[in-house]
Amino acid sequence: MAKNLRGTHQIVTANRLSDGVVVFFTRSGDWSPDFNDAVVADDPAAAETLLPRARGAATATVEPYLVAVELVDGAPVPVSMRERIRVGGLTFPVLAAGASRYA
């Protein structure tokens, strides 16, 4: 299912099946928890090609989907607040400190 499709650039994200960690599809065709490793599709046609590739490599992830990003100084930044939170982690510092041991 495609979500958050406002924008000209997109990445593919999912959650890792083993622990729920947010992961991003990379140029090498695997998954990384580092947002900066995500391959960026420059137009809708490239994004629609990228998504099936990611789904084919999704044996250890849950339901990959497209996320709109904008490039700021050449670096991708999620357009939606939901995806900014997913990239940045938990929003409560006390919880984040305890949860970091599971990442």
PDB file of N, CA and C in Angstrom:
ATOM      1  N   MET A   1       0.847  -1.167   0.000  1.00  0.00           N
ATOM      2  CA  MET A   1       0.000   0.000   0.000  1.00  0.00           C
ATOM      3  C   MET A   1       0.897   1.236   0.000  1.00  0.00           C
ATOM      4  N   ALA A   2       0.639   2.164  -0.886  1.00  0.00           N
ATOM      5  CA  ALA A   2       1.409   3.404  -0.953  1.00  0.00           C
ATOM      6  C   ALA A   2       0.784   4.434  -0.019  1.00  0.00           C
ATOM      7  N   LYS A   3       1.625   5.128   0.726  1.00  0.00           N
ATOM      8  CA  LYS A   3       1.170   6.149   1.660  1.00  0.00           C
ATOM      9  C   LYS A   3       1.982   7.411   1.453  1.00  0.00           C
ATOM     10  N   ASN A   4       1.460   8.517   1.912  1.00  0.00           N
ATOM     11  CA  ASN A   4       2.216   9.771   1.941  1.00  0.00           C
ATOM     12  C   ASN A   4       2.861  10.091   0.599  1.00  0.00           C
ATOM     13  N   LEU A   5       2.050  10.178  -0.444  1.00  0.00           N
ATOM     14  CA  LEU A   5       2.594  10.342  -1.778  1.00  0.00           C
ATOM     15  C   LEU A   5       2.677  11.787  -2.232  1.00  0.00           C
ATOM     16  N   ARG A   6       2.567  12.751  -1.370  1.00  0.00           N
ATOM     17  CA  ARG A   6       2.750  14.153  -1.751  1.00  0.00           C
ATOM     18  C   ARG A   6       4.240  14.418  -1.863  1.00  0.00           C
ATOM     19  N   GLY A   7       4.668  14.865  -2.994  1.00  0.00           N
ATOM     20  CA  GLY A   7       6.087  15.166  -3.153  1.00  0.00           C
ATOM     21  C   GLY A   7       6.659  14.491  -4.383  1.00  0.00           C
ATOM     22  N   THR A   8       7.778  14.987  -4.836  1.00  0.00           N
ATOM     23  CA  THR A   8       8.370  14.451  -6.055  1.00  0.00           C
ATOM     24  C   THR A   8       9.414  13.374  -5.784  1.00  0.00           C
ATOM     25  N   HIS A   9       9.981  13.342  -4.600  1.00  0.00           N
ATOM     26  CA  HIS A   9      10.980  12.334  -4.242  1.00  0.00           C
ATOM     27  C   HIS A   9      10.363  11.382  -3.229  1.00  0.00           C
ATOM     28  N   GLN A  10      10.758  10.102  -3.320  1.00  0.00           N
ATOM     29  CA  GLN A  10      10.209   9.122  -2.388  1.00  0.00           C
ATOM     30  C   GLN A  10      11.258   8.087  -2.010  1.00  0.00           C
ATOM     31  N   ILE A  11      11.056   7.506  -0.840  1.00  0.00           N
ATOM     32  CA  ILE A  11      11.866   6.393  -0.369  1.00  0.00           C
ATOM     33  C   ILE A  11      10.917   5.260   0.009  1.00  0.00           C
ATOM     34  N   VAL A  12      11.470   4.097   0.295  1.00  0.00           N
ATOM     35  CA  VAL A  12      10.662   2.972   0.757  1.00  0.00           C
ATOM     36  C   VAL A  12      11.073   2.650   2.188  1.00  0.00           C
ATOM     37  N   THR A  13      10.067   2.479   3.035  1.00  0.00           N
ATOM     38  CA  THR A  13      10.308   2.133   4.433  1.00  0.00           C
ATOM     39  C   THR A  13       9.433   0.954   4.825  1.00  0.00           C
ATOM     40  N   ALA A  14       9.790   0.321   5.935  1.00  0.00           N
ATOM     41  CA  ALA A  14       9.039  -0.801   6.492  1.00  0.00           C
ATOM     42  C   ALA A  14       9.477  -0.949   7.943  1.00  0.00           C
ATOM     43  N   ASN A  15       8.966  -1.966   8.599  1.00  0.00           N
ATOM     44  CA  ASN A  15       9.432  -2.312   9.934  1.00  0.00           C
ATOM     45  C   ASN A  15      10.050  -3.694   9.873  1.00  0.00           C
ATOM     46  N   ARG A  16      11.160  -3.858  10.573  1.00  0.00           N
ATOM     47  CA  ARG A  16      11.837  -5.152  10.624  1.00  0.00           C
ATOM     48  C   ARG A  16      10.962  -6.120  11.406  1.00  0.00           C
ATOM     49  N   LEU A  17      10.779  -7.297  10.875  1.00  0.00           N
ATOM     50  CA  LEU A  17       9.888  -8.293  11.458  1.00  0.00           C
ATOM     51  C   LEU A  17      10.363  -8.779  12.822  1.00  0.00           C
ATOM     52  N   SER A  18      11.662  -8.921  13.006  1.00  0.00           N
ATOM     53  CA  SER A  18      12.188  -9.506  14.234  1.00  0.00           C
ATOM     54  C   SER A  18      12.011  -8.621  15.461  1.00  0.00           C
ATOM     55  N   ASP A  19      12.063  -7.289  15.280  1.00  0.00           N
ATOM     56  CA  ASP A  19      12.006  -6.413  16.451  1.00  0.00           C
ATOM     57  C   ASP A  19      11.195  -5.130  16.251  1.00  0.00           C
ATOM     58  N   GLY A  20      10.625  -4.925  15.063  1.00  0.00           N
ATOM     59  CA  GLY A  20       9.789  -3.757  14.817  1.00  0.00           C
ATOM     60  C   GLY A  20      10.537  -2.472  14.496  1.00  0.00           C
ATOM     61  N   VAL A  21      11.864  -2.524  14.423  1.00  0.00           N
ATOM     62  CA  VAL A  21      12.657  -1.331  14.139  1.00  0.00           C
ATOM     63  C   VAL A  21      12.329  -0.823  12.735  1.00  0.00           C
ATOM     64  N   VAL A  22      12.233   0.500  12.588  1.00  0.00           N
ATOM     65  CA  VAL A  22      12.000   1.123  11.290  1.00  0.00           C
ATOM     66  C   VAL A  22      13.242   0.935  10.430  1.00  0.00           C
ATOM     67  N   VAL A  23      13.044   0.461   9.195  1.00  0.00           N
ATOM     68  CA  VAL A  23      14.153   0.248   8.269  1.00  0.00           C
ATOM     69  C   VAL A  23      13.839   0.897   6.923  1.00  0.00           C
ATOM     70  N   PHE A  24      14.884   1.124   6.134  1.00  0.00           N
ATOM     71  CA  PHE A  24      14.780   1.819   4.855  1.00  0.00           C
ATOM     72  C   PHE A  24      15.470   1.010   3.777  1.00  0.00           C
ATOM     73  N   PHE A  25      14.852   0.959   2.594  1.00  0.00           N
ATOM     74  CA  PHE A  25      15.402   0.206   1.475  1.00  0.00           C
ATOM     75  C   PHE A  25      16.593   0.956   0.891  1.00  0.00           C
ATOM     76  N   THR A  26      17.694   0.234   0.669  1.00  0.00           N
ATOM     77  CA  THR A  26      18.937   0.866   0.236  1.00  0.00           C
ATOM     78  C   THR A  26      19.220   0.597  -1.249  1.00  0.00           C
ATOM     79  N   ARG A  27      20.163   1.342  -1.778  1.00  0.00           N
ATOM     80  CA  ARG A  27      20.565   1.184  -3.185  1.00  0.00           C
ATOM     81  C   ARG A  27      21.064  -0.239  -3.455  1.00  0.00           C
ATOM     82  N   SER A  28      21.687  -0.860  -2.469  1.00  0.00           N
ATOM     83  CA  SER A  28      22.222  -2.211  -2.662  1.00  0.00           C
ATOM     84  C   SER A  28      21.149  -3.295  -2.558  1.00  0.00           C
ATOM     85  N   GLY A  29      19.906  -2.901  -2.281  1.00  0.00           N
ATOM     86  CA  GLY A  29      18.810  -3.859  -2.269  1.00  0.00           C
ATOM     87  C   GLY A  29      18.571  -4.548  -0.948  1.00  0.00           C
ATOM     88  N   ASP A  30      19.112  -3.986   0.130  1.00  0.00           N
ATOM     89  CA  ASP A  30      18.837  -4.552   1.443  1.00  0.00           C
ATOM     90  C   ASP A  30      18.174  -3.481   2.312  1.00  0.00           C
ATOM     91  N   TRP A  31      18.067  -3.748   3.588  1.00  0.00           N
ATOM     92  CA  TRP A  31      17.363  -2.845   4.510  1.00  0.00           C
ATOM     93  C   TRP A  31      18.329  -2.320   5.561  1.00  0.00           C
ATOM     94  N   SER A  32      18.186  -1.053   5.898  1.00  0.00           N
ATOM     95  CA  SER A  32      19.059  -0.422   6.890  1.00  0.00           C
ATOM     96  C   SER A  32      18.219   0.386   7.869  1.00  0.00           C
ATOM     97  N   PRO A  33      18.572   0.379   9.145  1.00  0.00           N
ATOM     98  CA  PRO A  33      17.880   1.237  10.106  1.00  0.00           C
ATOM     99  C   PRO A  33      18.316   2.702  10.005  1.00  0.00           C
ATOM    100  N   ASP A  34      19.326   2.986   9.185  1.00  0.00           N
ATOM    101  CA  ASP A  34      19.830   4.350   9.010  1.00  0.00           C
ATOM    102  C   ASP A  34      19.094   5.026   7.860  1.00  0.00           C
ATOM    103  N   PHE A  35      18.323   6.052   8.167  1.00  0.00           N
ATOM    104  CA  PHE A  35      17.538   6.783   7.174  1.00  0.00           C
ATOM    105  C   PHE A  35      18.418   7.297   6.032  1.00  0.00           C
ATOM    106  N   ASN A  36      19.630   7.690   6.334  1.00  0.00           N
ATOM    107  CA  ASN A  36      20.529   8.241   5.320  1.00  0.00           C
ATOM    108  C   ASN A  36      20.991   7.205   4.292  1.00  0.00           C
ATOM    109  N   ASP A  37      20.767   5.935   4.563  1.00  0.00           N
ATOM    110  CA  ASP A  37      21.110   4.882   3.616  1.00  0.00           C
ATOM    111  C   ASP A  37      20.020   4.648   2.571  1.00  0.00           C
ATOM    112  N   ALA A  38      18.851   5.250   2.765  1.00  0.00           N
ATOM    113  CA  ALA A  38      17.706   5.006   1.875  1.00  0.00           C
ATOM    114  C   ALA A  38      17.986   5.500   0.466  1.00  0.00           C
ATOM    115  N   VAL A  39      17.588   4.699  -0.519  1.00  0.00           N
ATOM    116  CA  VAL A  39      17.681   5.121  -1.913  1.00  0.00           C
ATOM    117  C   VAL A  39      16.485   6.039  -2.187  1.00  0.00           C
ATOM    118  N   VAL A  40      16.742   7.155  -2.871  1.00  0.00           N
ATOM    119  CA  VAL A  40      15.711   8.147  -3.148  1.00  0.00           C
ATOM    120  C   VAL A  40      15.295   8.046  -4.606  1.00  0.00           C
ATOM    121  N   ALA A  41      13.997   7.847  -4.835  1.00  0.00           N
ATOM    122  CA  ALA A  41      13.442   7.851  -6.190  1.00  0.00           C
ATOM    123  C   ALA A  41      13.137   9.299  -6.553  1.00  0.00           C
ATOM    124  N   ASP A  42      13.629   9.728  -7.695  1.00  0.00           N
ATOM    125  CA  ASP A  42      13.514  11.130  -8.091  1.00  0.00           C
ATOM    126  C   ASP A  42      12.192  11.512  -8.722  1.00  0.00           C
ATOM    127  N   ASP A  43      11.398  10.529  -9.151  1.00  0.00           N
ATOM    128  CA  ASP A  43      10.108  10.847  -9.773  1.00  0.00           C
ATOM    129  C   ASP A  43       9.138   9.698  -9.514  1.00  0.00           C
ATOM    130  N   PRO A  44       7.849   9.914  -9.755  1.00  0.00           N
ATOM    131  CA  PRO A  44       6.855   8.867  -9.471  1.00  0.00           C
ATOM    132  C   PRO A  44       7.109   7.557 -10.213  1.00  0.00           C
ATOM    133  N   ALA A  45       7.592   7.630 -11.451  1.00  0.00           N
ATOM    134  CA  ALA A  45       7.860   6.402 -12.201  1.00  0.00           C
ATOM    135  C   ALA A  45       8.976   5.591 -11.546  1.00  0.00           C
ATOM    136  N   ALA A  46      10.018   6.267 -11.099  1.00  0.00           N
ATOM    137  CA  ALA A  46      11.117   5.576 -10.414  1.00  0.00           C
ATOM    138  C   ALA A  46      10.640   4.980  -9.094  1.00  0.00           C
ATOM    139  N   ALA A  47       9.765   5.694  -8.401  1.00  0.00           N
ATOM    140  CA  ALA A  47       9.230   5.194  -7.130  1.00  0.00           C
ATOM    141  C   ALA A  47       8.392   3.939  -7.346  1.00  0.00           C
ATOM    142  N   GLU A  48       7.592   3.929  -8.404  1.00  0.00           N
ATOM    143  CA  GLU A  48       6.759   2.761  -8.686  1.00  0.00           C
ATOM    144  C   GLU A  48       7.596   1.558  -9.122  1.00  0.00           C
ATOM    145  N   THR A  49       8.801   1.793  -9.583  1.00  0.00           N
ATOM    146  CA  THR A  49       9.734   0.712  -9.903  1.00  0.00           C
ATOM    147  C   THR A  49      10.454   0.244  -8.636  1.00  0.00           C
ATOM    148  N   LEU A  50      10.759   1.191  -7.761  1.00  0.00           N
ATOM    149  CA  LEU A  50      11.486   0.897  -6.532  1.00  0.00           C
ATOM    150  C   LEU A  50      10.661   0.056  -5.564  1.00  0.00           C
ATOM    151  N   LEU A  51       9.384   0.349  -5.466  1.00  0.00           N
ATOM    152  CA  LEU A  51       8.535  -0.353  -4.500  1.00  0.00           C
ATOM    153  C   LEU A  51       8.483  -1.864  -4.739  1.00  0.00           C
ATOM    154  N   PRO A  52       8.275  -2.352  -5.961  1.00  0.00           N
ATOM    155  CA  PRO A  52       8.290  -3.815  -6.153  1.00  0.00           C
ATOM    156  C   PRO A  52       9.648  -4.451  -5.825  1.00  0.00           C
ATOM    157  N   ARG A  53      10.740  -3.740  -6.116  1.00  0.00           N
ATOM    158  CA  ARG A  53      12.072  -4.249  -5.747  1.00  0.00           C
ATOM    159  C   ARG A  53      12.162  -4.422  -4.234  1.00  0.00           C
ATOM    160  N   ALA A  54      11.680  -3.420  -3.504  1.00  0.00           N
ATOM    161  CA  ALA A  54      11.720  -3.480  -2.040  1.00  0.00           C
ATOM    162  C   ALA A  54      10.835  -4.600  -1.512  1.00  0.00           C
ATOM    163  N   ARG A  55       9.670  -4.748  -2.095  1.00  0.00           N
ATOM    164  CA  ARG A  55       8.774  -5.827  -1.653  1.00  0.00           C
ATOM    165  C   ARG A  55       9.388  -7.197  -1.918  1.00  0.00           C
ATOM    166  N   GLY A  56      10.154  -7.313  -2.996  1.00  0.00           N
ATOM    167  CA  GLY A  56      10.835  -8.572  -3.298  1.00  0.00           C
ATOM    168  C   GLY A  56      11.933  -8.893  -2.302  1.00  0.00           C
ATOM    169  N   ALA A  57      12.484  -7.870  -1.675  1.00  0.00           N
ATOM    170  CA  ALA A  57      13.550  -8.057  -0.682  1.00  0.00           C
ATOM    171  C   ALA A  57      13.008  -7.985   0.741  1.00  0.00           C
ATOM    172  N   ALA A  58      11.707  -8.099   0.875  1.00  0.00           N
ATOM    173  CA  ALA A  58      11.057  -7.855   2.165  1.00  0.00           C
ATOM    174  C   ALA A  58      10.820  -9.107   2.989  1.00  0.00           C
ATOM    175  N   THR A  59      11.683 -10.095   2.890  1.00  0.00           N
ATOM    176  CA  THR A  59      11.467 -11.332   3.634  1.00  0.00           C
ATOM    177  C   THR A  59      11.540 -11.124   5.145  1.00  0.00           C
ATOM    178  N   ALA A  60      12.248 -10.101   5.595  1.00  0.00           N
ATOM    179  CA  ALA A  60      12.395  -9.869   7.033  1.00  0.00           C
ATOM    180  C   ALA A  60      11.733  -8.566   7.472  1.00  0.00           C
ATOM    181  N   THR A  61      10.826  -8.024   6.631  1.00  0.00           N
ATOM    182  CA  THR A  61      10.152  -6.769   6.969  1.00  0.00           C
ATOM    183  C   THR A  61       8.647  -6.925   6.826  1.00  0.00           C
ATOM    184  N   VAL A  62       7.933  -5.947   7.362  1.00  0.00           N
ATOM    185  CA  VAL A  62       6.480  -5.927   7.299  1.00  0.00           C
ATOM    186  C   VAL A  62       6.030  -4.812   6.365  1.00  0.00           C
ATOM    187  N   GLU A  63       5.311  -5.149   5.319  1.00  0.00           N
ATOM    188  CA  GLU A  63       4.632  -4.242   4.385  1.00  0.00           C
ATOM    189  C   GLU A  63       5.385  -2.963   4.028  1.00  0.00           C
ATOM    190  N   PRO A  64       6.378  -3.044   3.158  1.00  0.00           N
ATOM    191  CA  PRO A  64       7.073  -1.843   2.697  1.00  0.00           C
ATOM    192  C   PRO A  64       6.110  -0.887   1.994  1.00  0.00           C
ATOM    193  N   TYR A  65       6.366   0.410   2.119  1.00  0.00           N
ATOM    194  CA  TYR A  65       5.546   1.399   1.437  1.00  0.00           C
ATOM    195  C   TYR A  65       6.370   2.638   1.107  1.00  0.00           C
ATOM    196  N   LEU A  66       5.866   3.425   0.164  1.00  0.00           N
ATOM    197  CA  LEU A  66       6.531   4.646  -0.266  1.00  0.00           C
ATOM    198  C   LEU A  66       6.255   5.787   0.693  1.00  0.00           C
ATOM    199  N   VAL A  67       7.257   6.629   0.882  1.00  0.00           N
ATOM    200  CA  VAL A  67       7.147   7.817   1.729  1.00  0.00           C
ATOM    201  C   VAL A  67       7.691   9.007   0.952  1.00  0.00           C
ATOM    202  N   ALA A  68       6.928  10.082   0.902  1.00  0.00           N
ATOM    203  CA  ALA A  68       7.381  11.290   0.222  1.00  0.00           C
ATOM    204  C   ALA A  68       8.455  11.979   1.058  1.00  0.00           C
ATOM    205  N   VAL A  69       9.508  12.418   0.372  1.00  0.00           N
ATOM    206  CA  VAL A  69      10.573  13.179   1.015  1.00  0.00           C
ATOM    207  C   VAL A  69      10.873  14.394   0.151  1.00  0.00           C
ATOM    208  N   GLU A  70      11.426  15.401   0.781  1.00  0.00           N
ATOM    209  CA  GLU A  70      11.945  16.543   0.034  1.00  0.00           C
ATOM    210  C   GLU A  70      13.440  16.585   0.276  1.00  0.00           C
ATOM    211  N   LEU A  71      14.170  17.084  -0.692  1.00  0.00           N
ATOM    212  CA  LEU A  71      15.613  17.192  -0.536  1.00  0.00           C
ATOM    213  C   LEU A  71      15.957  18.562   0.028  1.00  0.00           C
ATOM    214  N   VAL A  72      16.652  18.572   1.144  1.00  0.00           N
ATOM    215  CA  VAL A  72      17.108  19.797   1.792  1.00  0.00           C
ATOM    216  C   VAL A  72      18.628  19.732   1.818  1.00  0.00           C
ATOM    217  N   ASP A  73      19.257  20.605   1.074  1.00  0.00           N
ATOM    218  CA  ASP A  73      20.716  20.579   0.922  1.00  0.00           C
ATOM    219  C   ASP A  73      21.204  19.209   0.468  1.00  0.00           C
ATOM    220  N   GLY A  74      20.418  18.571  -0.404  1.00  0.00           N
ATOM    221  CA  GLY A  74      20.788  17.284  -0.960  1.00  0.00           C
ATOM    222  C   GLY A  74      20.440  16.084  -0.104  1.00  0.00           C
ATOM    223  N   ALA A  75      19.938  16.313   1.095  1.00  0.00           N
ATOM    224  CA  ALA A  75      19.594  15.212   1.999  1.00  0.00           C
ATOM    225  C   ALA A  75      18.072  15.057   2.078  1.00  0.00           C
ATOM    226  N   PRO A  76      17.575  13.822   2.074  1.00  0.00           N
ATOM    227  CA  PRO A  76      16.128  13.615   2.153  1.00  0.00           C
ATOM    228  C   PRO A  76      15.582  13.916   3.549  1.00  0.00           C
ATOM    229  N   VAL A  77      14.411  14.555   3.571  1.00  0.00           N
ATOM    230  CA  VAL A  77      13.694  14.842   4.812  1.00  0.00           C
ATOM    231  C   VAL A  77      12.238  14.430   4.588  1.00  0.00           C
ATOM    232  N   PRO A  78      11.660  13.592   5.454  1.00  0.00           N
ATOM    233  CA  PRO A  78      10.272  13.184   5.261  1.00  0.00           C
ATOM    234  C   PRO A  78       9.325  14.392   5.240  1.00  0.00           C
ATOM    235  N   VAL A  79       8.315  14.313   4.388  1.00  0.00           N
ATOM    236  CA  VAL A  79       7.335  15.393   4.275  1.00  0.00           C
ATOM    237  C   VAL A  79       6.342  15.342   5.434  1.00  0.00           C
ATOM    238  N   SER A  80       5.847  14.164   5.767  1.00  0.00           N
ATOM    239  CA  SER A  80       4.801  14.065   6.791  1.00  0.00           C
ATOM    240  C   SER A  80       5.382  13.992   8.206  1.00  0.00           C
ATOM    241  N   MET A  81       4.634  14.503   9.147  1.00  0.00           N
ATOM    242  CA  MET A  81       5.042  14.459  10.551  1.00  0.00           C
ATOM    243  C   MET A  81       5.163  13.013  11.035  1.00  0.00           C
ATOM    244  N   ARG A  82       4.261  12.165  10.605  1.00  0.00           N
ATOM    245  CA  ARG A  82       4.306  10.756  11.007  1.00  0.00           C
ATOM    246  C   ARG A  82       5.652  10.136  10.648  1.00  0.00           C
ATOM    247  N   GLU A  83       6.105  10.380   9.428  1.00  0.00           N
ATOM    248  CA  GLU A  83       7.363   9.786   8.992  1.00  0.00           C
ATOM    249  C   GLU A  83       8.559  10.461   9.648  1.00  0.00           C
ATOM    250  N   ARG A  84       8.448  11.738   9.964  1.00  0.00           N
ATOM    251  CA  ARG A  84       9.533  12.406  10.696  1.00  0.00           C
ATOM    252  C   ARG A  84       9.700  11.766  12.072  1.00  0.00           C
ATOM    253  N   ILE A  85       8.592  11.425  12.703  1.00  0.00           N
ATOM    254  CA  ILE A  85       8.645  10.767  14.012  1.00  0.00           C
ATOM    255  C   ILE A  85       9.230   9.362  13.859  1.00  0.00           C
ATOM    256  N   ARG A  86       8.824   8.629  12.818  1.00  0.00           N
ATOM    257  CA  ARG A  86       9.375   7.285  12.607  1.00  0.00           C
ATOM    258  C   ARG A  86      10.882   7.339  12.407  1.00  0.00           C
ATOM    259  N   VAL A  87      11.367   8.353  11.671  1.00  0.00           N
ATOM    260  CA  VAL A  87      12.805   8.491  11.425  1.00  0.00           C
ATOM    261  C   VAL A  87      13.541   8.896  12.696  1.00  0.00           C
ATOM    262  N   GLY A  88      12.951   9.839  13.450  1.00  0.00           N
ATOM    263  CA  GLY A  88      13.617  10.382  14.631  1.00  0.00           C
ATOM    264  C   GLY A  88      13.513   9.517  15.866  1.00  0.00           C
ATOM    265  N   GLY A  89      12.623   8.552  15.858  1.00  0.00           N
ATOM    266  CA  GLY A  89      12.460   7.694  17.026  1.00  0.00           C
ATOM    267  C   GLY A  89      11.376   8.202  17.955  1.00  0.00           C
ATOM    268  N   LEU A  90      11.369   7.675  19.137  1.00  0.00           N
ATOM    269  CA  LEU A  90      10.349   8.027  20.116  1.00  0.00           C
ATOM    270  C   LEU A  90      10.403   9.510  20.458  1.00  0.00           C
ATOM    271  N   THR A  91       9.243  10.067  20.793  1.00  0.00           N
ATOM    272  CA  THR A  91       9.161  11.499  21.061  1.00  0.00           C
ATOM    273  C   THR A  91       9.314  11.840  22.535  1.00  0.00           C
ATOM    274  N   PHE A  92       9.347  10.843  23.403  1.00  0.00           N
ATOM    275  CA  PHE A  92       9.502  11.095  24.826  1.00  0.00           C
ATOM    276  C   PHE A  92      10.900  10.661  25.261  1.00  0.00           C
ATOM    277  N   PRO A  93      11.763  11.592  25.659  1.00  0.00           N
ATOM    278  CA  PRO A  93      13.152  11.261  25.995  1.00  0.00           C
ATOM    279  C   PRO A  93      13.295  10.169  27.053  1.00  0.00           C
ATOM    280  N   VAL A  94      12.431  10.163  28.047  1.00  0.00           N
ATOM    281  CA  VAL A  94      12.537   9.159  29.110  1.00  0.00           C
ATOM    282  C   VAL A  94      12.308   7.774  28.522  1.00  0.00           C
ATOM    283  N   LEU A  95      11.291   7.646  27.689  1.00  0.00           N
ATOM    284  CA  LEU A  95      11.022   6.348  27.050  1.00  0.00           C
ATOM    285  C   LEU A  95      12.123   5.986  26.072  1.00  0.00           C
ATOM    286  N   ALA A  96      12.595   6.967  25.323  1.00  0.00           N
ATOM    287  CA  ALA A  96      13.621   6.696  24.323  1.00  0.00           C
ATOM    288  C   ALA A  96      14.894   6.170  24.974  1.00  0.00           C
ATOM    289  N   ALA A  97      15.249   6.694  26.130  1.00  0.00           N
ATOM    290  CA  ALA A  97      16.462   6.253  26.807  1.00  0.00           C
ATOM    291  C   ALA A  97      16.359   4.774  27.171  1.00  0.00           C
ATOM    292  N   GLY A  98      15.203   4.351  27.657  1.00  0.00           N
ATOM    293  CA  GLY A  98      15.011   2.947  28.008  1.00  0.00           C
ATOM    294  C   GLY A  98      14.865   2.058  26.808  1.00  0.00           C
ATOM    295  N   ALA A  99      14.263   2.568  25.745  1.00  0.00           N
ATOM    296  CA  ALA A  99      14.018   1.758  24.553  1.00  0.00           C
ATOM    297  C   ALA A  99      15.250   1.602  23.685  1.00  0.00           C
ATOM    298  N   SER A 100      16.243   2.449  23.855  1.00  0.00           N
ATOM    299  CA  SER A 100      17.421   2.397  22.983  1.00  0.00           C
ATOM    300  C   SER A 100      18.147   1.067  23.080  1.00  0.00           C
ATOM    301  N   ARG A 101      18.028   0.382  24.178  1.00  0.00           N
ATOM    302  CA  ARG A 101      18.715  -0.910  24.315  1.00  0.00           C
ATOM    303  C   ARG A 101      18.125  -1.974  23.396  1.00  0.00           C
ATOM    304  N   TYR A 102      16.901  -1.740  22.864  1.00  0.00           N
ATOM    305  CA  TYR A 102      16.277  -2.710  21.981  1.00  0.00           C
ATOM    306  C   TYR A 102      16.557  -2.424  20.519  1.00  0.00           C
ATOM    307  N   ALA A 103      17.140  -1.284  20.204  1.00  0.00           N
ATOM    308  CA  ALA A 103      17.363  -0.904  18.792  1.00  0.00           C
ATOM    309  C   ALA A 103      18.508  -1.684  18.181  1.00  0.00           C
TER     310      ALA A 103
END
